[in-house]
């Protein structure tokens, strides 16, 4: 079977309204993919930068998959959260990106967005906090009903990924 190793890190995030951020992440694959080792989801620590607006996480990713086909290539989905001084957590953005399909070292920038909500929800979010969230996180990477959402752009998450591919040539894929 063909093998895919994803080794790297979630470097950090910038461009969000406030600091004190953390990230929940996961990898979604098709049915032909099997996880051999590593965690396919996780969460970073909270970073409160003292200077600048870049939150650094340097959170490691080390995953090993096998597959018999290319359909359902891995996608990395992200949720960026803000933690306030009282320990309350507020969603700041969703994002997803495809894992690079060529071997080597890759720098990936993943843009994020969040649901906008009605004007009543926007006013409540300003004074109380919180805000609208997706009922089904599958919408992040599926795109089925995402076109109907009203969203606002948020910041960017930076990733560094090393891709190692093995035995893909046996299945007609040249690297």
C-alpha atoms as a PDB file:
ATOM      1  CA  UNK A   1       0.000   0.000   0.000  1.00  0.00           C
ATOM      2  CA  UNK A   2       1.083   3.594  -0.551  1.00  0.00           C
ATOM      3  CA  UNK A   3       2.237   5.499   2.531  1.00  0.00           C
ATOM      4  CA  UNK A   4       2.046   9.177   3.439  1.00  0.00           C
ATOM      5  CA  UNK A   5       3.964  10.744   6.325  1.00  0.00           C
ATOM      6  CA  UNK A   6       3.020  14.242   7.463  1.00  0.00           C
ATOM      7  CA  UNK A   7       5.625  15.703   9.796  1.00  0.00           C
ATOM      8  CA  UNK A   8       5.619  19.334  10.820  1.00  0.00           C
ATOM      9  CA  UNK A   9       4.104  21.921  13.068  1.00  0.00           C
ATOM     10  CA  UNK A  10       1.362  24.485  13.483  1.00  0.00           C
ATOM     11  CA  UNK A  11       3.639  27.503  13.798  1.00  0.00           C
ATOM     12  CA  UNK A  12       1.153  30.128  14.936  1.00  0.00           C
ATOM     13  CA  UNK A  13      -1.468  32.672  13.920  1.00  0.00           C
ATOM     14  CA  UNK A  14      -1.714  36.372  13.182  1.00  0.00           C
ATOM     15  CA  UNK A  15      -4.263  38.933  12.047  1.00  0.00           C
ATOM     16  CA  UNK A  16      -6.891  38.183  14.692  1.00  0.00           C
ATOM     17  CA  UNK A  17      -8.663  40.974  16.653  1.00  0.00           C
ATOM     18  CA  UNK A  18      -7.058  40.022  19.971  1.00  0.00           C
ATOM     19  CA  UNK A  19      -4.225  37.884  21.315  1.00  0.00           C
ATOM     20  CA  UNK A  20      -4.438  34.975  23.769  1.00  0.00           C
ATOM     21  CA  UNK A  21      -5.227  32.398  21.090  1.00  0.00           C
ATOM     22  CA  UNK A  22      -5.223  28.613  20.844  1.00  0.00           C
ATOM     23  CA  UNK A  23      -6.047  26.240  17.994  1.00  0.00           C
ATOM     24  CA  UNK A  24      -8.025  23.005  17.767  1.00  0.00           C
ATOM     25  CA  UNK A  25      -7.029  20.978  14.710  1.00  0.00           C
ATOM     26  CA  UNK A  26      -7.866  17.739  12.979  1.00  0.00           C
ATOM     27  CA  UNK A  27      -7.238  15.837   9.764  1.00  0.00           C
ATOM     28  CA  UNK A  28     -10.091  14.533   7.613  1.00  0.00           C
ATOM     29  CA  UNK A  29      -9.495  11.800   5.020  1.00  0.00           C
ATOM     30  CA  UNK A  30     -11.565   9.684   2.691  1.00  0.00           C
ATOM     31  CA  UNK A  31     -12.582   6.095   3.347  1.00  0.00           C
ATOM     32  CA  UNK A  32      -9.569   4.550   1.572  1.00  0.00           C
ATOM     33  CA  UNK A  33      -7.120   6.073   4.054  1.00  0.00           C
ATOM     34  CA  UNK A  34      -6.005   4.260   7.198  1.00  0.00           C
ATOM     35  CA  UNK A  35      -4.173   5.865  10.109  1.00  0.00           C
ATOM     36  CA  UNK A  36      -1.101   3.834  11.104  1.00  0.00           C
ATOM     37  CA  UNK A  37       0.355   6.113  13.767  1.00  0.00           C
ATOM     38  CA  UNK A  38       0.037   9.569  15.205  1.00  0.00           C
ATOM     39  CA  UNK A  39      -2.848  11.692  16.377  1.00  0.00           C
ATOM     40  CA  UNK A  40      -5.354  12.909  13.806  1.00  0.00           C
ATOM     41  CA  UNK A  41      -6.634  15.723  16.050  1.00  0.00           C
ATOM     42  CA  UNK A  42      -5.383  17.870  18.879  1.00  0.00           C
ATOM     43  CA  UNK A  43      -5.171  21.268  20.513  1.00  0.00           C
ATOM     44  CA  UNK A  44      -2.372  23.769  21.031  1.00  0.00           C
ATOM     45  CA  UNK A  45      -1.598  25.709  24.168  1.00  0.00           C
ATOM     46  CA  UNK A  46      -2.787  29.300  24.662  1.00  0.00           C
ATOM     47  CA  UNK A  47      -0.217  31.905  23.662  1.00  0.00           C
ATOM     48  CA  UNK A  48      -0.437  35.462  24.940  1.00  0.00           C
ATOM     49  CA  UNK A  49       2.329  37.325  23.092  1.00  0.00           C
ATOM     50  CA  UNK A  50       3.836  40.265  24.962  1.00  0.00           C
ATOM     51  CA  UNK A  51       4.901  41.995  21.725  1.00  0.00           C
ATOM     52  CA  UNK A  52       3.435  41.845  18.232  1.00  0.00           C
ATOM     53  CA  UNK A  53       0.249  40.168  17.139  1.00  0.00           C
ATOM     54  CA  UNK A  54       1.668  36.742  16.198  1.00  0.00           C
ATOM     55  CA  UNK A  55       0.631  33.929  18.550  1.00  0.00           C
ATOM     56  CA  UNK A  56       3.304  31.192  18.444  1.00  0.00           C
ATOM     57  CA  UNK A  57       2.306  27.593  19.149  1.00  0.00           C
ATOM     58  CA  UNK A  58       4.967  25.416  17.492  1.00  0.00           C
ATOM     59  CA  UNK A  59       2.577  22.494  17.955  1.00  0.00           C
ATOM     60  CA  UNK A  60       3.969  19.249  16.452  1.00  0.00           C
ATOM     61  CA  UNK A  61       2.143  17.139  13.866  1.00  0.00           C
ATOM     62  CA  UNK A  62       3.408  13.628  13.079  1.00  0.00           C
ATOM     63  CA  UNK A  63       0.986  11.369  11.210  1.00  0.00           C
ATOM     64  CA  UNK A  64       1.455   8.216   9.129  1.00  0.00           C
ATOM     65  CA  UNK A  65      -1.262   7.022   6.700  1.00  0.00           C
ATOM     66  CA  UNK A  66      -1.621   4.184   4.218  1.00  0.00           C
ATOM     67  CA  UNK A  67      -3.943   4.207   1.240  1.00  0.00           C
ATOM     68  CA  UNK A  68      -4.805   2.373  -1.966  1.00  0.00           C
ATOM     69  CA  UNK A  69      -6.019   5.487  -3.801  1.00  0.00           C
ATOM     70  CA  UNK A  70      -5.801   9.241  -3.983  1.00  0.00           C
ATOM     71  CA  UNK A  71      -9.474   9.920  -3.434  1.00  0.00           C
ATOM     72  CA  UNK A  72     -10.104  11.619  -0.102  1.00  0.00           C
ATOM     73  CA  UNK A  73      -6.622  13.213   0.133  1.00  0.00           C
ATOM     74  CA  UNK A  74      -6.078  14.516   3.704  1.00  0.00           C
ATOM     75  CA  UNK A  75      -7.403  17.952   4.639  1.00  0.00           C
ATOM     76  CA  UNK A  76      -6.356  19.831   7.748  1.00  0.00           C
ATOM     77  CA  UNK A  77      -9.205  21.663   9.476  1.00  0.00           C
ATOM     78  CA  UNK A  78      -8.589  24.314  12.116  1.00  0.00           C
ATOM     79  CA  UNK A  79     -10.546  26.210  14.750  1.00  0.00           C
ATOM     80  CA  UNK A  80      -8.888  29.255  16.319  1.00  0.00           C
ATOM     81  CA  UNK A  81     -10.192  30.260  19.742  1.00  0.00           C
ATOM     82  CA  UNK A  82      -9.589  33.276  21.966  1.00  0.00           C
ATOM     83  CA  UNK A  83      -9.354  32.903  25.745  1.00  0.00           C
ATOM     84  CA  UNK A  84     -10.142  36.057  27.724  1.00  0.00           C
ATOM     85  CA  UNK A  85      -8.764  37.063  31.124  1.00  0.00           C
ATOM     86  CA  UNK A  86     -11.663  35.250  32.858  1.00  0.00           C
ATOM     87  CA  UNK A  87     -10.874  31.934  31.110  1.00  0.00           C
ATOM     88  CA  UNK A  88     -13.882  32.119  28.777  1.00  0.00           C
ATOM     89  CA  UNK A  89     -13.281  30.805  25.269  1.00  0.00           C
ATOM     90  CA  UNK A  90     -14.697  32.412  22.136  1.00  0.00           C
ATOM     91  CA  UNK A  91     -14.503  31.070  18.588  1.00  0.00           C
ATOM     92  CA  UNK A  92     -12.413  33.347  16.375  1.00  0.00           C
ATOM     93  CA  UNK A  93     -12.256  31.388  13.145  1.00  0.00           C
ATOM     94  CA  UNK A  94     -12.597  28.220  11.098  1.00  0.00           C
ATOM     95  CA  UNK A  95     -10.269  27.214   8.298  1.00  0.00           C
ATOM     96  CA  UNK A  96      -9.079  24.273   6.277  1.00  0.00           C
ATOM     97  CA  UNK A  97      -6.355  23.488   3.776  1.00  0.00           C
ATOM     98  CA  UNK A  98      -5.331  20.453   1.775  1.00  0.00           C
ATOM     99  CA  UNK A  99      -2.184  18.662   2.846  1.00  0.00           C
ATOM    100  CA  UNK A 100       0.386  19.268   0.069  1.00  0.00           C
ATOM    101  CA  UNK A 101       0.460  16.434  -2.464  1.00  0.00           C
ATOM    102  CA  UNK A 102       4.154  16.644  -3.355  1.00  0.00           C
ATOM    103  CA  UNK A 103       7.029  15.436  -1.190  1.00  0.00           C
ATOM    104  CA  UNK A 104       9.277  17.941   0.531  1.00  0.00           C
ATOM    105  CA  UNK A 105       9.065  20.866   2.924  1.00  0.00           C
ATOM    106  CA  UNK A 106       6.039  23.148   2.559  1.00  0.00           C
ATOM    107  CA  UNK A 107       5.009  26.417   4.177  1.00  0.00           C
ATOM    108  CA  UNK A 108       1.209  26.590   4.237  1.00  0.00           C
ATOM    109  CA  UNK A 109      -0.886  29.643   5.133  1.00  0.00           C
ATOM    110  CA  UNK A 110      -4.463  28.804   6.086  1.00  0.00           C
ATOM    111  CA  UNK A 111      -6.930  31.693   6.045  1.00  0.00           C
ATOM    112  CA  UNK A 112      -9.778  31.575   8.530  1.00  0.00           C
ATOM    113  CA  UNK A 113     -13.349  32.859   8.707  1.00  0.00           C
ATOM    114  CA  UNK A 114     -16.200  32.842  11.170  1.00  0.00           C
ATOM    115  CA  UNK A 115     -20.004  32.978  10.800  1.00  0.00           C
ATOM    116  CA  UNK A 116     -21.305  36.540  10.942  1.00  0.00           C
ATOM    117  CA  UNK A 117     -24.759  35.960  12.400  1.00  0.00           C
ATOM    118  CA  UNK A 118     -27.717  38.325  12.488  1.00  0.00           C
ATOM    119  CA  UNK A 119     -27.350  41.945  13.602  1.00  0.00           C
ATOM    120  CA  UNK A 120     -28.822  40.995  17.015  1.00  0.00           C
ATOM    121  CA  UNK A 121     -26.154  38.294  17.426  1.00  0.00           C
ATOM    122  CA  UNK A 122     -23.436  40.759  16.382  1.00  0.00           C
ATOM    123  CA  UNK A 123     -24.541  43.280  19.032  1.00  0.00           C
ATOM    124  CA  UNK A 124     -24.768  40.548  21.679  1.00  0.00           C
ATOM    125  CA  UNK A 125     -21.284  39.331  20.713  1.00  0.00           C
ATOM    126  CA  UNK A 126     -19.882  42.846  21.145  1.00  0.00           C
ATOM    127  CA  UNK A 127     -21.249  43.256  24.687  1.00  0.00           C
ATOM    128  CA  UNK A 128     -21.557  39.709  26.039  1.00  0.00           C
ATOM    129  CA  UNK A 129     -19.055  37.710  23.963  1.00  0.00           C
ATOM    130  CA  UNK A 130     -19.557  34.358  22.331  1.00  0.00           C
ATOM    131  CA  UNK A 131     -21.051  34.361  18.874  1.00  0.00           C
ATOM    132  CA  UNK A 132     -22.482  31.982  16.300  1.00  0.00           C
ATOM    133  CA  UNK A 133     -20.810  28.627  15.725  1.00  0.00           C
ATOM    134  CA  UNK A 134     -21.396  25.872  13.191  1.00  0.00           C
ATOM    135  CA  UNK A 135     -23.717  23.084  14.302  1.00  0.00           C
ATOM    136  CA  UNK A 136     -21.780  20.592  12.234  1.00  0.00           C
ATOM    137  CA  UNK A 137     -18.006  21.105  11.958  1.00  0.00           C
ATOM    138  CA  UNK A 138     -18.113  18.995   8.764  1.00  0.00           C
ATOM    139  CA  UNK A 139     -19.139  22.174   6.947  1.00  0.00           C
ATOM    140  CA  UNK A 140     -15.597  23.483   7.415  1.00  0.00           C
ATOM    141  CA  UNK A 141     -14.136  21.151   4.795  1.00  0.00           C
ATOM    142  CA  UNK A 142     -17.126  19.719   2.934  1.00  0.00           C
ATOM    143  CA  UNK A 143     -18.452  22.902   1.355  1.00  0.00           C
ATOM    144  CA  UNK A 144     -21.907  21.371   0.829  1.00  0.00           C
ATOM    145  CA  UNK A 145     -23.991  24.151   2.412  1.00  0.00           C
ATOM    146  CA  UNK A 146     -21.195  26.617   3.144  1.00  0.00           C
ATOM    147  CA  UNK A 147     -22.214  28.902   0.267  1.00  0.00           C
ATOM    148  CA  UNK A 148     -25.337  29.905   2.246  1.00  0.00           C
ATOM    149  CA  UNK A 149     -23.363  31.143   5.260  1.00  0.00           C
ATOM    150  CA  UNK A 150     -22.692  34.816   5.898  1.00  0.00           C
ATOM    151  CA  UNK A 151     -19.093  35.001   7.055  1.00  0.00           C
ATOM    152  CA  UNK A 152     -16.376  37.480   7.890  1.00  0.00           C
ATOM    153  CA  UNK A 153     -12.663  36.966   7.225  1.00  0.00           C
ATOM    154  CA  UNK A 154     -10.407  36.529  10.235  1.00  0.00           C
ATOM    155  CA  UNK A 155      -6.650  35.900  10.594  1.00  0.00           C
ATOM    156  CA  UNK A 156      -4.199  33.420   9.134  1.00  0.00           C
ATOM    157  CA  UNK A 157      -2.687  30.250  10.616  1.00  0.00           C
ATOM    158  CA  UNK A 158       0.853  29.363   9.511  1.00  0.00           C
ATOM    159  CA  UNK A 159       1.975  25.737   9.160  1.00  0.00           C
ATOM    160  CA  UNK A 160       5.224  24.060   8.192  1.00  0.00           C
ATOM    161  CA  UNK A 161       4.729  20.547   6.850  1.00  0.00           C
ATOM    162  CA  UNK A 162       7.179  17.944   5.645  1.00  0.00           C
ATOM    163  CA  UNK A 163       5.617  15.396   3.281  1.00  0.00           C
ATOM    164  CA  UNK A 164       7.128  11.956   2.700  1.00  0.00           C
ATOM    165  CA  UNK A 165       5.502   9.684   0.119  1.00  0.00           C
ATOM    166  CA  UNK A 166       6.332   6.006  -0.295  1.00  0.00           C
ATOM    167  CA  UNK A 167       5.162   3.440  -2.881  1.00  0.00           C
ATOM    168  CA  UNK A 168       2.870   5.916  -4.691  1.00  0.00           C
ATOM    169  CA  UNK A 169       4.648   4.995  -7.941  1.00  0.00           C
ATOM    170  CA  UNK A 170       3.138   1.504  -7.666  1.00  0.00           C
ATOM    171  CA  UNK A 171      -0.288   3.119  -7.972  1.00  0.00           C
ATOM    172  CA  UNK A 172       0.551   5.319 -10.957  1.00  0.00           C
ATOM    173  CA  UNK A 173       1.454   8.470  -9.043  1.00  0.00           C
ATOM    174  CA  UNK A 174       4.785  10.047  -9.899  1.00  0.00           C
ATOM    175  CA  UNK A 175       6.425  12.274  -7.319  1.00  0.00           C
END
